[in-house]
Structure formats: structure tokens, C-alpha cells
Amino acid sequence: MLENLNKYKIILGSNSPRRKELLKGLDIDFEIISNNTDEAYPDDMDGVDIPVFLARKKAESYTIKENNLIITADTIVWFNNQIYGKPTDKADAKRILQTLSGNMHQVITGVCIKTLEKTKTFHVTSNVYFAQFSDEEIDYYLEHYKPYDKAGAYGVQEWIGYIGVERIDGSYYNVMGLPIQRLYNELKNF
């Protein structure tokens, strides 16, 4: 599958072990090259525009050679017109999870596919419905899983997802950090 990509050296521009695992599931050869890109965005930007802007910004931070195809992504949690990124510490993670508890939030991932000739960006949004968490459950999760590298202070594939996700409208893999089904289709038509 994806024979159209055979002419490219595919690069995943991410340190995320979850994105690596998901892209590996497509059975394509790729290597990981990560850049530390400033994740600032314009103050007047919101919702779906933020992760798409950041994914493109990440892709543009690479020096792309003739046969390179780079894939970059950025995931945000969006609730009450506010972004909930990676928590700064345990107290911030607890505050975020208390805020999201018992509510529906959106997980939005922006993806950029870039070669020298072409750039394609897209986003996928999933609605995640959380049960009400007790402080004891939040404390347990933070003590045992330490989700400080995850937008919204949680990993859906971890304990908190098992006990707390009532339902997801949209892609589960998007909530993990890479909308792999949509990425497959975009790569197929790239």
C-alpha cells in the first residue's frame, strides 16, 4: 500500500512515542527527526487554526531535501474557547483534569505533509466526553502515569481513559495524537 510514497524518504517530525506507534501501524518505512520548534501562535487565533498553524510551522522548520516527505502534527485540547496544552507541573495537571471532568471537550490535531513541491495541511476534531472524576482518581492518575507531555494532561490510552471516557465522537487515534485513518487517505492521494 502507499506505493506512491516509494520515491520519498519519509520523516516523522515528532518526539511523540504515540505518533511513532501510530505511523508504524501504516507499515511504511520512516525515520524520526525531531526539531524543537517554538510553539507560539498569534493571540487572535483559536480552535482548529492553532494546531494547523503549529503543524505547518513545525514542517517549515526543517530543511527538506529533494526526496524528503515530512509529516508533522500538533494536538490541542479545546474547551470553553480555551486551549489546554501540556501541563507545566502536577498542580496544573490537576487543575486541567478538574476543569475537563464531567464535560465534553474537543481534541483537535493539525497535520502537515510537506515535500519540496507540495504542502498539504488538514485537521481532525474529536469530541471527548469525560465522566466526573473524584480528586482521589485524579491524584491516582497523576501519581502513577505522569502525563506532563500530553495536551489536556491525559492520555486516552491510559488508566484515566479507561475509567473516564464515556464516549468519543470522532477518531480515537486523533485523541492519541495522530488521526491515522485521515493521514493514510491524505498520503494515498498526495
N, C-alpha and C. Protein backbone atom coordinates (compact mmCIF):
# COMPACT_ATOMS: atom_id res chain seq x y z
N MET A 1 0.84 -1.18 0.00
CA MET A 1 0.00 0.00 0.00
C MET A 1 0.89 1.24 0.00
N LEU A 2 0.31 2.34 -0.40
CA LEU A 2 1.01 3.63 -0.46
C LEU A 2 2.28 3.58 -1.32
N GLU A 3 2.21 2.84 -2.44
CA GLU A 3 3.35 2.74 -3.35
C GLU A 3 3.76 4.11 -3.88
N ASN A 4 2.83 5.05 -3.94
CA ASN A 4 3.14 6.40 -4.42
C ASN A 4 4.18 7.10 -3.55
N LEU A 5 4.43 6.58 -2.36
CA LEU A 5 5.40 7.19 -1.45
C LEU A 5 6.80 6.59 -1.61
N ASN A 6 6.94 5.57 -2.45
CA ASN A 6 8.23 4.87 -2.57
C ASN A 6 9.37 5.79 -2.99
N LYS A 7 9.07 6.87 -3.69
CA LYS A 7 10.12 7.78 -4.15
C LYS A 7 10.62 8.71 -3.05
N TYR A 8 9.96 8.67 -1.88
CA TYR A 8 10.30 9.58 -0.80
C TYR A 8 11.01 8.88 0.36
N LYS A 9 11.84 9.63 1.02
CA LYS A 9 12.34 9.27 2.34
C LYS A 9 11.37 9.95 3.31
N ILE A 10 10.61 9.17 4.03
CA ILE A 10 9.56 9.71 4.90
C ILE A 10 10.15 10.00 6.28
N ILE A 11 9.85 11.19 6.76
CA ILE A 11 10.35 11.65 8.06
C ILE A 11 9.17 12.04 8.92
N LEU A 12 9.12 11.49 10.12
CA LEU A 12 8.15 11.92 11.12
C LEU A 12 8.84 12.96 11.98
N GLY A 13 8.36 14.17 11.94
CA GLY A 13 8.94 15.26 12.72
C GLY A 13 8.27 15.35 14.07
N SER A 14 8.57 14.40 14.95
CA SER A 14 7.92 14.36 16.26
C SER A 14 8.73 13.49 17.21
N ASN A 15 8.73 13.88 18.47
CA ASN A 15 9.31 13.06 19.54
C ASN A 15 8.28 12.15 20.19
N SER A 16 7.02 12.28 19.81
CA SER A 16 5.93 11.57 20.47
C SER A 16 6.00 10.06 20.23
N PRO A 17 6.11 9.28 21.31
CA PRO A 17 6.07 7.82 21.12
C PRO A 17 4.73 7.34 20.58
N ARG A 18 3.66 8.06 20.88
CA ARG A 18 2.34 7.68 20.38
C ARG A 18 2.24 7.90 18.87
N ARG A 19 2.74 9.02 18.40
CA ARG A 19 2.72 9.27 16.94
C ARG A 19 3.59 8.25 16.22
N LYS A 20 4.73 7.92 16.79
CA LYS A 20 5.61 6.91 16.19
C LYS A 20 4.87 5.58 16.08
N GLU A 21 4.21 5.18 17.17
CA GLU A 21 3.47 3.91 17.20
C GLU A 21 2.36 3.90 16.15
N LEU A 22 1.64 5.00 16.04
CA LEU A 22 0.51 5.06 15.10
C LEU A 22 0.99 5.05 13.65
N LEU A 23 2.03 5.83 13.34
CA LEU A 23 2.53 5.84 11.96
C LEU A 23 3.13 4.49 11.59
N LYS A 24 3.76 3.83 12.55
CA LYS A 24 4.32 2.49 12.32
C LYS A 24 3.21 1.52 11.89
N GLY A 25 2.01 1.75 12.39
CA GLY A 25 0.87 0.90 12.05
C GLY A 25 0.47 0.94 10.59
N LEU A 26 0.95 1.93 9.85
CA LEU A 26 0.65 2.00 8.41
C LEU A 26 1.60 1.14 7.58
N ASP A 27 2.58 0.48 8.24
CA ASP A 27 3.53 -0.39 7.56
C ASP A 27 4.32 0.35 6.47
N ILE A 28 4.74 1.57 6.79
CA ILE A 28 5.63 2.29 5.89
C ILE A 28 6.94 2.55 6.61
N ASP A 29 8.01 2.64 5.84
CA ASP A 29 9.31 2.93 6.42
C ASP A 29 9.43 4.44 6.63
N PHE A 30 9.89 4.82 7.81
CA PHE A 30 10.11 6.23 8.09
C PHE A 30 11.18 6.35 9.15
N GLU A 31 11.73 7.53 9.25
CA GLU A 31 12.65 7.80 10.34
C GLU A 31 12.14 9.00 11.10
N ILE A 32 12.63 9.13 12.31
CA ILE A 32 12.21 10.23 13.17
C ILE A 32 13.35 11.23 13.25
N ILE A 33 13.03 12.46 12.93
CA ILE A 33 13.95 13.57 13.12
C ILE A 33 13.15 14.66 13.81
N SER A 34 13.53 14.99 15.03
CA SER A 34 12.73 15.98 15.75
C SER A 34 13.49 17.30 15.84
N ASN A 35 12.74 18.35 15.74
CA ASN A 35 13.22 19.72 15.91
C ASN A 35 12.51 20.31 17.11
N ASN A 36 13.17 21.19 17.80
CA ASN A 36 12.48 21.95 18.84
C ASN A 36 12.00 23.24 18.21
N THR A 37 10.73 23.29 17.90
CA THR A 37 10.13 24.45 17.26
C THR A 37 9.36 25.26 18.29
N ASP A 38 9.54 26.56 18.23
CA ASP A 38 8.77 27.45 19.09
C ASP A 38 7.29 27.26 18.77
N GLU A 39 6.48 27.00 19.79
CA GLU A 39 5.07 26.73 19.56
C GLU A 39 4.19 27.94 19.84
N ALA A 40 4.73 29.13 19.61
CA ALA A 40 3.93 30.35 19.75
C ALA A 40 3.02 30.49 18.52
N TYR A 41 1.88 31.09 18.74
CA TYR A 41 0.93 31.34 17.65
C TYR A 41 0.28 32.70 17.91
N PRO A 42 -0.30 33.32 16.89
CA PRO A 42 -0.92 34.64 17.07
C PRO A 42 -2.03 34.62 18.12
N ASP A 43 -2.09 35.67 18.92
CA ASP A 43 -3.06 35.77 20.00
C ASP A 43 -4.51 35.71 19.53
N ASP A 44 -4.78 36.16 18.32
CA ASP A 44 -6.16 36.20 17.83
C ASP A 44 -6.59 34.88 17.19
N MET A 45 -5.74 33.88 17.24
CA MET A 45 -6.04 32.58 16.64
C MET A 45 -6.72 31.69 17.67
N ASP A 46 -7.68 30.87 17.20
CA ASP A 46 -8.29 29.92 18.13
C ASP A 46 -8.75 28.66 17.40
N GLY A 47 -9.20 27.72 18.21
CA GLY A 47 -9.77 26.47 17.70
C GLY A 47 -8.89 25.73 16.72
N VAL A 48 -9.50 25.32 15.60
CA VAL A 48 -8.81 24.47 14.63
C VAL A 48 -7.61 25.15 13.99
N ASP A 49 -7.59 26.47 13.97
CA ASP A 49 -6.48 27.17 13.32
C ASP A 49 -5.16 26.97 14.05
N ILE A 50 -5.20 26.81 15.38
CA ILE A 50 -3.96 26.72 16.17
C ILE A 50 -3.14 25.47 15.81
N PRO A 51 -3.70 24.26 15.91
CA PRO A 51 -2.85 23.10 15.62
C PRO A 51 -2.42 23.01 14.16
N VAL A 52 -3.24 23.51 13.23
CA VAL A 52 -2.84 23.51 11.82
C VAL A 52 -1.67 24.48 11.62
N PHE A 53 -1.76 25.67 12.21
CA PHE A 53 -0.68 26.65 12.15
C PHE A 53 0.61 26.06 12.72
N LEU A 54 0.51 25.41 13.88
CA LEU A 54 1.70 24.85 14.54
C LEU A 54 2.28 23.67 13.76
N ALA A 55 1.42 22.83 13.19
CA ALA A 55 1.92 21.70 12.38
C ALA A 55 2.69 22.22 11.17
N ARG A 56 2.16 23.26 10.52
CA ARG A 56 2.84 23.85 9.36
C ARG A 56 4.15 24.51 9.79
N LYS A 57 4.12 25.22 10.92
CA LYS A 57 5.32 25.87 11.45
C LYS A 57 6.41 24.84 11.74
N LYS A 58 6.01 23.70 12.32
CA LYS A 58 6.97 22.63 12.58
C LYS A 58 7.58 22.11 11.27
N ALA A 59 6.74 21.87 10.27
CA ALA A 59 7.23 21.35 8.98
C ALA A 59 8.19 22.34 8.33
N GLU A 60 7.88 23.62 8.42
CA GLU A 60 8.71 24.64 7.79
C GLU A 60 10.04 24.84 8.51
N SER A 61 10.18 24.28 9.71
CA SER A 61 11.44 24.42 10.44
C SER A 61 12.50 23.42 9.95
N TYR A 62 12.12 22.51 9.08
CA TYR A 62 13.04 21.51 8.54
C TYR A 62 13.62 21.96 7.20
N THR A 63 14.85 21.59 6.96
CA THR A 63 15.44 21.76 5.63
C THR A 63 15.08 20.50 4.86
N ILE A 64 14.20 20.65 3.91
CA ILE A 64 13.69 19.49 3.18
C ILE A 64 14.52 19.28 1.92
N LYS A 65 15.02 18.08 1.77
CA LYS A 65 15.79 17.71 0.58
C LYS A 65 14.84 17.20 -0.49
N GLU A 66 15.41 16.99 -1.67
CA GLU A 66 14.60 16.68 -2.85
C GLU A 66 13.65 15.51 -2.68
N ASN A 67 14.09 14.43 -2.06
CA ASN A 67 13.23 13.25 -1.95
C ASN A 67 12.59 13.09 -0.57
N ASN A 68 12.61 14.13 0.26
CA ASN A 68 12.03 14.05 1.61
C ASN A 68 10.53 14.33 1.59
N LEU A 69 9.82 13.60 2.42
CA LEU A 69 8.42 13.89 2.74
C LEU A 69 8.35 13.93 4.26
N ILE A 70 8.00 15.09 4.78
CA ILE A 70 7.96 15.23 6.24
C ILE A 70 6.51 15.31 6.71
N ILE A 71 6.26 14.65 7.83
CA ILE A 71 4.94 14.66 8.46
C ILE A 71 5.10 15.28 9.85
N THR A 72 4.37 16.34 10.11
CA THR A 72 4.38 16.97 11.43
C THR A 72 2.94 17.10 11.91
N ALA A 73 2.78 17.20 13.22
CA ALA A 73 1.44 17.30 13.79
C ALA A 73 1.49 18.09 15.10
N ASP A 74 0.36 18.64 15.45
CA ASP A 74 0.20 19.28 16.75
C ASP A 74 -1.22 19.01 17.23
N THR A 75 -1.33 18.67 18.50
CA THR A 75 -2.63 18.34 19.09
C THR A 75 -2.92 19.28 20.24
N ILE A 76 -4.15 19.79 20.26
CA ILE A 76 -4.59 20.62 21.38
C ILE A 76 -5.89 20.06 21.95
N VAL A 77 -6.13 20.40 23.20
CA VAL A 77 -7.43 20.17 23.83
C VAL A 77 -8.09 21.54 23.90
N TRP A 78 -9.33 21.61 23.43
CA TRP A 78 -10.08 22.86 23.33
C TRP A 78 -11.36 22.72 24.16
N PHE A 79 -11.53 23.63 25.12
CA PHE A 79 -12.72 23.59 25.98
C PHE A 79 -13.07 25.02 26.39
N ASN A 80 -14.33 25.37 26.25
CA ASN A 80 -14.81 26.72 26.61
C ASN A 80 -13.96 27.81 25.95
N ASN A 81 -13.69 27.63 24.66
CA ASN A 81 -12.90 28.61 23.89
C ASN A 81 -11.52 28.86 24.47
N GLN A 82 -10.96 27.83 25.07
CA GLN A 82 -9.63 27.95 25.66
C GLN A 82 -8.82 26.70 25.33
N ILE A 83 -7.53 26.91 25.12
CA ILE A 83 -6.62 25.81 24.82
C ILE A 83 -6.07 25.24 26.13
N TYR A 84 -6.02 23.92 26.20
CA TYR A 84 -5.41 23.22 27.34
C TYR A 84 -4.27 22.39 26.78
N GLY A 85 -3.07 22.91 26.92
CA GLY A 85 -1.89 22.25 26.38
C GLY A 85 -1.29 21.30 27.39
N LYS A 86 0.01 21.10 27.26
CA LYS A 86 0.74 20.24 28.19
C LYS A 86 0.84 20.96 29.53
N PRO A 87 0.56 20.26 30.62
CA PRO A 87 0.63 20.92 31.93
C PRO A 87 2.06 21.27 32.31
N THR A 88 2.18 22.36 33.06
CA THR A 88 3.51 22.81 33.49
C THR A 88 4.04 22.02 34.68
N ASP A 89 3.12 21.50 35.51
CA ASP A 89 3.52 20.73 36.69
C ASP A 89 2.30 19.95 37.19
N LYS A 90 2.46 19.27 38.31
CA LYS A 90 1.40 18.43 38.85
C LYS A 90 0.15 19.24 39.22
N ALA A 91 0.35 20.41 39.82
CA ALA A 91 -0.79 21.25 40.21
C ALA A 91 -1.56 21.71 38.97
N ASP A 92 -0.85 22.06 37.91
CA ASP A 92 -1.50 22.48 36.67
C ASP A 92 -2.25 21.31 36.04
N ALA A 93 -1.65 20.12 36.06
CA ALA A 93 -2.31 18.93 35.53
C ALA A 93 -3.61 18.64 36.29
N LYS A 94 -3.57 18.77 37.60
CA LYS A 94 -4.76 18.54 38.41
C LYS A 94 -5.85 19.56 38.08
N ARG A 95 -5.45 20.82 37.94
CA ARG A 95 -6.42 21.88 37.60
C ARG A 95 -7.07 21.59 36.25
N ILE A 96 -6.27 21.17 35.26
CA ILE A 96 -6.80 20.88 33.94
C ILE A 96 -7.80 19.73 34.00
N LEU A 97 -7.43 18.64 34.67
CA LEU A 97 -8.32 17.48 34.76
C LEU A 97 -9.59 17.79 35.54
N GLN A 98 -9.49 18.61 36.58
CA GLN A 98 -10.69 19.04 37.31
C GLN A 98 -11.61 19.85 36.41
N THR A 99 -11.02 20.68 35.55
CA THR A 99 -11.81 21.51 34.63
C THR A 99 -12.51 20.64 33.58
N LEU A 100 -11.82 19.67 33.05
CA LEU A 100 -12.39 18.82 31.99
C LEU A 100 -13.36 17.77 32.54
N SER A 101 -13.24 17.44 33.82
CA SER A 101 -14.06 16.42 34.47
C SER A 101 -15.55 16.71 34.29
N GLY A 102 -16.28 15.68 33.84
CA GLY A 102 -17.73 15.80 33.69
C GLY A 102 -18.17 16.61 32.48
N ASN A 103 -17.25 16.94 31.60
CA ASN A 103 -17.56 17.79 30.44
C ASN A 103 -17.12 17.14 29.14
N MET A 104 -17.64 17.73 28.06
CA MET A 104 -17.19 17.36 26.71
C MET A 104 -16.15 18.39 26.29
N HIS A 105 -15.00 17.92 25.79
CA HIS A 105 -14.00 18.81 25.22
C HIS A 105 -13.64 18.30 23.83
N GLN A 106 -12.99 19.14 23.07
CA GLN A 106 -12.56 18.75 21.74
C GLN A 106 -11.05 18.51 21.72
N VAL A 107 -10.65 17.47 21.03
CA VAL A 107 -9.25 17.23 20.75
C VAL A 107 -9.08 17.50 19.26
N ILE A 108 -8.21 18.46 18.96
CA ILE A 108 -8.01 18.88 17.57
C ILE A 108 -6.54 18.65 17.22
N THR A 109 -6.31 17.88 16.17
CA THR A 109 -4.96 17.65 15.69
C THR A 109 -4.83 18.26 14.30
N GLY A 110 -3.80 19.09 14.15
CA GLY A 110 -3.44 19.61 12.85
C GLY A 110 -2.27 18.80 12.33
N VAL A 111 -2.28 18.51 11.04
CA VAL A 111 -1.23 17.71 10.42
C VAL A 111 -0.73 18.45 9.18
N CYS A 112 0.58 18.39 8.97
CA CYS A 112 1.17 18.94 7.76
C CYS A 112 2.02 17.86 7.09
N ILE A 113 1.80 17.68 5.79
CA ILE A 113 2.61 16.80 4.95
C ILE A 113 3.32 17.71 3.97
N LYS A 114 4.65 17.64 3.95
CA LYS A 114 5.40 18.61 3.14
C LYS A 114 6.54 17.94 2.39
N THR A 115 6.64 18.30 1.11
CA THR A 115 7.79 17.97 0.28
C THR A 115 8.30 19.30 -0.30
N LEU A 116 9.33 19.24 -1.13
CA LEU A 116 9.80 20.47 -1.78
C LEU A 116 8.74 21.06 -2.70
N GLU A 117 7.94 20.21 -3.31
CA GLU A 117 6.97 20.66 -4.31
C GLU A 117 5.59 20.97 -3.75
N LYS A 118 5.25 20.39 -2.62
CA LYS A 118 3.85 20.42 -2.21
C LYS A 118 3.73 20.45 -0.69
N THR A 119 2.70 21.15 -0.21
CA THR A 119 2.37 21.16 1.21
C THR A 119 0.88 20.92 1.35
N LYS A 120 0.52 20.00 2.21
CA LYS A 120 -0.89 19.71 2.49
C LYS A 120 -1.10 19.78 4.00
N THR A 121 -2.06 20.57 4.44
CA THR A 121 -2.42 20.61 5.85
C THR A 121 -3.89 20.23 6.00
N PHE A 122 -4.21 19.67 7.15
CA PHE A 122 -5.60 19.35 7.48
C PHE A 122 -5.72 19.22 8.98
N HIS A 123 -6.94 19.15 9.45
CA HIS A 123 -7.18 18.93 10.88
C HIS A 123 -8.30 17.92 11.06
N VAL A 124 -8.28 17.29 12.22
CA VAL A 124 -9.35 16.36 12.62
C VAL A 124 -9.75 16.72 14.04
N THR A 125 -11.06 16.76 14.26
CA THR A 125 -11.59 17.09 15.59
C THR A 125 -12.37 15.90 16.13
N SER A 126 -12.10 15.56 17.38
CA SER A 126 -12.85 14.51 18.09
C SER A 126 -13.45 15.13 19.35
N ASN A 127 -14.70 14.81 19.62
CA ASN A 127 -15.36 15.25 20.85
C ASN A 127 -15.23 14.14 21.89
N VAL A 128 -14.65 14.49 23.04
CA VAL A 128 -14.40 13.52 24.10
C VAL A 128 -15.29 13.88 25.30
N TYR A 129 -16.07 12.91 25.75
CA TYR A 129 -16.98 13.11 26.88
C TYR A 129 -16.39 12.42 28.10
N PHE A 130 -16.04 13.22 29.09
CA PHE A 130 -15.46 12.71 30.32
C PHE A 130 -16.53 12.50 31.38
N ALA A 131 -16.39 11.43 32.15
CA ALA A 131 -17.19 11.24 33.36
C ALA A 131 -16.68 12.22 34.41
N GLN A 132 -17.40 12.31 35.49
CA GLN A 132 -16.97 13.14 36.62
C GLN A 132 -15.87 12.39 37.38
N PHE A 133 -14.72 13.04 37.58
CA PHE A 133 -13.62 12.44 38.31
C PHE A 133 -13.61 12.93 39.76
N SER A 134 -13.29 12.05 40.67
CA SER A 134 -13.05 12.48 42.05
C SER A 134 -11.61 12.99 42.14
N ASP A 135 -11.32 13.79 43.13
CA ASP A 135 -9.94 14.24 43.34
C ASP A 135 -9.02 13.05 43.58
N GLU A 136 -9.54 12.02 44.26
CA GLU A 136 -8.75 10.83 44.52
C GLU A 136 -8.34 10.14 43.21
N GLU A 137 -9.27 10.07 42.24
CA GLU A 137 -8.97 9.46 40.94
C GLU A 137 -7.94 10.28 40.17
N ILE A 138 -8.10 11.59 40.20
CA ILE A 138 -7.14 12.47 39.52
C ILE A 138 -5.76 12.32 40.15
N ASP A 139 -5.70 12.34 41.47
CA ASP A 139 -4.42 12.19 42.17
C ASP A 139 -3.76 10.85 41.85
N TYR A 140 -4.56 9.79 41.82
CA TYR A 140 -4.03 8.46 41.49
C TYR A 140 -3.41 8.48 40.10
N TYR A 141 -4.15 9.03 39.14
CA TYR A 141 -3.66 9.08 37.76
C TYR A 141 -2.35 9.87 37.66
N LEU A 142 -2.32 11.02 38.28
CA LEU A 142 -1.12 11.86 38.19
C LEU A 142 0.07 11.22 38.89
N GLU A 143 -0.18 10.47 39.95
CA GLU A 143 0.89 9.81 40.67
C GLU A 143 1.48 8.63 39.89
N HIS A 144 0.61 7.90 39.19
CA HIS A 144 1.04 6.66 38.53
C HIS A 144 1.36 6.82 37.04
N TYR A 145 0.88 7.88 36.40
CA TYR A 145 1.06 7.98 34.94
C TYR A 145 1.81 9.22 34.48
N LYS A 146 1.82 10.28 35.26
CA LYS A 146 2.62 11.47 34.97
C LYS A 146 2.46 11.96 33.53
N PRO A 147 1.29 12.45 33.16
CA PRO A 147 1.01 12.83 31.77
C PRO A 147 1.43 14.26 31.42
N TYR A 148 2.65 14.62 31.75
CA TYR A 148 3.07 16.01 31.59
C TYR A 148 3.49 16.35 30.16
N ASP A 149 3.56 15.34 29.30
CA ASP A 149 3.89 15.59 27.90
C ASP A 149 2.66 15.48 27.00
N LYS A 150 1.47 15.57 27.60
CA LYS A 150 0.25 15.36 26.83
C LYS A 150 -0.69 16.56 26.94
N ALA A 151 -1.21 16.98 25.80
CA ALA A 151 -2.21 18.05 25.79
C ALA A 151 -3.40 17.63 26.65
N GLY A 152 -3.90 18.56 27.44
CA GLY A 152 -5.04 18.26 28.29
C GLY A 152 -4.70 17.43 29.50
N ALA A 153 -3.43 17.14 29.72
CA ALA A 153 -2.94 16.43 30.91
C ALA A 153 -3.42 14.98 31.01
N TYR A 154 -3.72 14.36 29.85
CA TYR A 154 -4.12 12.95 29.92
C TYR A 154 -3.78 12.23 28.62
N GLY A 155 -3.64 10.92 28.76
CA GLY A 155 -3.52 10.03 27.61
C GLY A 155 -4.76 9.13 27.58
N VAL A 156 -5.49 9.18 26.50
CA VAL A 156 -6.74 8.42 26.40
C VAL A 156 -6.47 6.92 26.50
N GLN A 157 -5.27 6.48 26.14
CA GLN A 157 -4.91 5.07 26.15
C GLN A 157 -4.42 4.61 27.51
N GLU A 158 -4.46 5.50 28.50
CA GLU A 158 -4.01 5.18 29.85
C GLU A 158 -5.20 5.00 30.79
N TRP A 159 -4.92 4.74 32.04
CA TRP A 159 -5.92 4.44 33.07
C TRP A 159 -7.06 5.44 33.09
N ILE A 160 -6.75 6.72 33.00
CA ILE A 160 -7.80 7.75 33.08
C ILE A 160 -8.78 7.60 31.91
N GLY A 161 -8.28 7.19 30.75
CA GLY A 161 -9.15 6.95 29.61
C GLY A 161 -10.05 5.75 29.83
N TYR A 162 -9.48 4.72 30.46
CA TYR A 162 -10.28 3.51 30.74
C TYR A 162 -11.45 3.82 31.65
N ILE A 163 -11.20 4.61 32.69
CA ILE A 163 -12.24 4.84 33.68
C ILE A 163 -13.08 6.08 33.39
N GLY A 164 -12.58 6.96 32.52
CA GLY A 164 -13.23 8.25 32.41
C GLY A 164 -13.85 8.64 31.10
N VAL A 165 -13.48 7.99 30.01
CA VAL A 165 -14.05 8.38 28.72
C VAL A 165 -15.38 7.67 28.53
N GLU A 166 -16.45 8.44 28.61
CA GLU A 166 -17.79 7.87 28.40
C GLU A 166 -18.04 7.58 26.94
N ARG A 167 -17.58 8.50 26.07
CA ARG A 167 -17.69 8.25 24.63
C ARG A 167 -16.83 9.26 23.88
N ILE A 168 -16.53 8.88 22.65
CA ILE A 168 -15.79 9.75 21.74
C ILE A 168 -16.58 9.83 20.45
N ASP A 169 -16.85 11.03 20.01
CA ASP A 169 -17.43 11.24 18.68
C ASP A 169 -16.27 11.66 17.79
N GLY A 170 -15.84 10.75 16.91
CA GLY A 170 -14.71 11.03 16.05
C GLY A 170 -13.63 9.98 16.24
N SER A 171 -12.44 10.30 15.79
CA SER A 171 -11.33 9.36 15.77
C SER A 171 -10.67 9.19 17.14
N TYR A 172 -10.62 7.95 17.60
CA TYR A 172 -9.90 7.62 18.83
C TYR A 172 -8.42 7.92 18.66
N TYR A 173 -7.86 7.57 17.49
CA TYR A 173 -6.44 7.78 17.27
C TYR A 173 -6.07 9.26 17.22
N ASN A 174 -7.01 10.08 16.80
CA ASN A 174 -6.81 11.52 16.86
C ASN A 174 -6.60 11.96 18.31
N VAL A 175 -7.36 11.38 19.22
CA VAL A 175 -7.24 11.72 20.64
C VAL A 175 -5.87 11.26 21.15
N MET A 176 -5.34 10.18 20.61
CA MET A 176 -3.99 9.72 20.96
C MET A 176 -2.91 10.64 20.41
N GLY A 177 -3.23 11.41 19.35
CA GLY A 177 -2.27 12.38 18.84
C GLY A 177 -2.00 12.37 17.35
N LEU A 178 -2.62 11.43 16.62
CA LEU A 178 -2.43 11.40 15.17
C LEU A 178 -3.65 10.74 14.52
N PRO A 179 -4.41 11.50 13.73
CA PRO A 179 -5.60 10.92 13.06
C PRO A 179 -5.17 10.03 11.90
N ILE A 180 -4.79 8.83 12.22
CA ILE A 180 -4.07 7.96 11.30
C ILE A 180 -4.91 7.55 10.09
N GLN A 181 -6.20 7.37 10.25
CA GLN A 181 -7.05 7.00 9.10
C GLN A 181 -7.07 8.14 8.08
N ARG A 182 -7.27 9.36 8.55
CA ARG A 182 -7.26 10.52 7.64
C ARG A 182 -5.87 10.71 7.04
N LEU A 183 -4.82 10.53 7.84
CA LEU A 183 -3.46 10.66 7.32
C LEU A 183 -3.21 9.64 6.21
N TYR A 184 -3.65 8.42 6.41
CA TYR A 184 -3.50 7.38 5.38
C TYR A 184 -4.13 7.84 4.06
N ASN A 185 -5.36 8.34 4.13
CA ASN A 185 -6.04 8.79 2.92
C ASN A 185 -5.35 9.99 2.26
N GLU A 186 -4.84 10.90 3.08
CA GLU A 186 -4.12 12.05 2.54
C GLU A 186 -2.82 11.60 1.87
N LEU A 187 -2.11 10.66 2.49
CA LEU A 187 -0.87 10.16 1.90
C LEU A 187 -1.16 9.39 0.60
N LYS A 188 -2.26 8.64 0.59
CA LYS A 188 -2.64 7.87 -0.59
C LYS A 188 -2.88 8.80 -1.79
N ASN A 189 -3.39 9.98 -1.51
CA ASN A 189 -3.72 10.93 -2.58
C ASN A 189 -2.70 12.05 -2.73
N PHE A 190 -1.56 11.94 -2.07
CA PHE A 190 -0.57 13.02 -2.07
C PHE A 190 0.21 13.03 -3.39
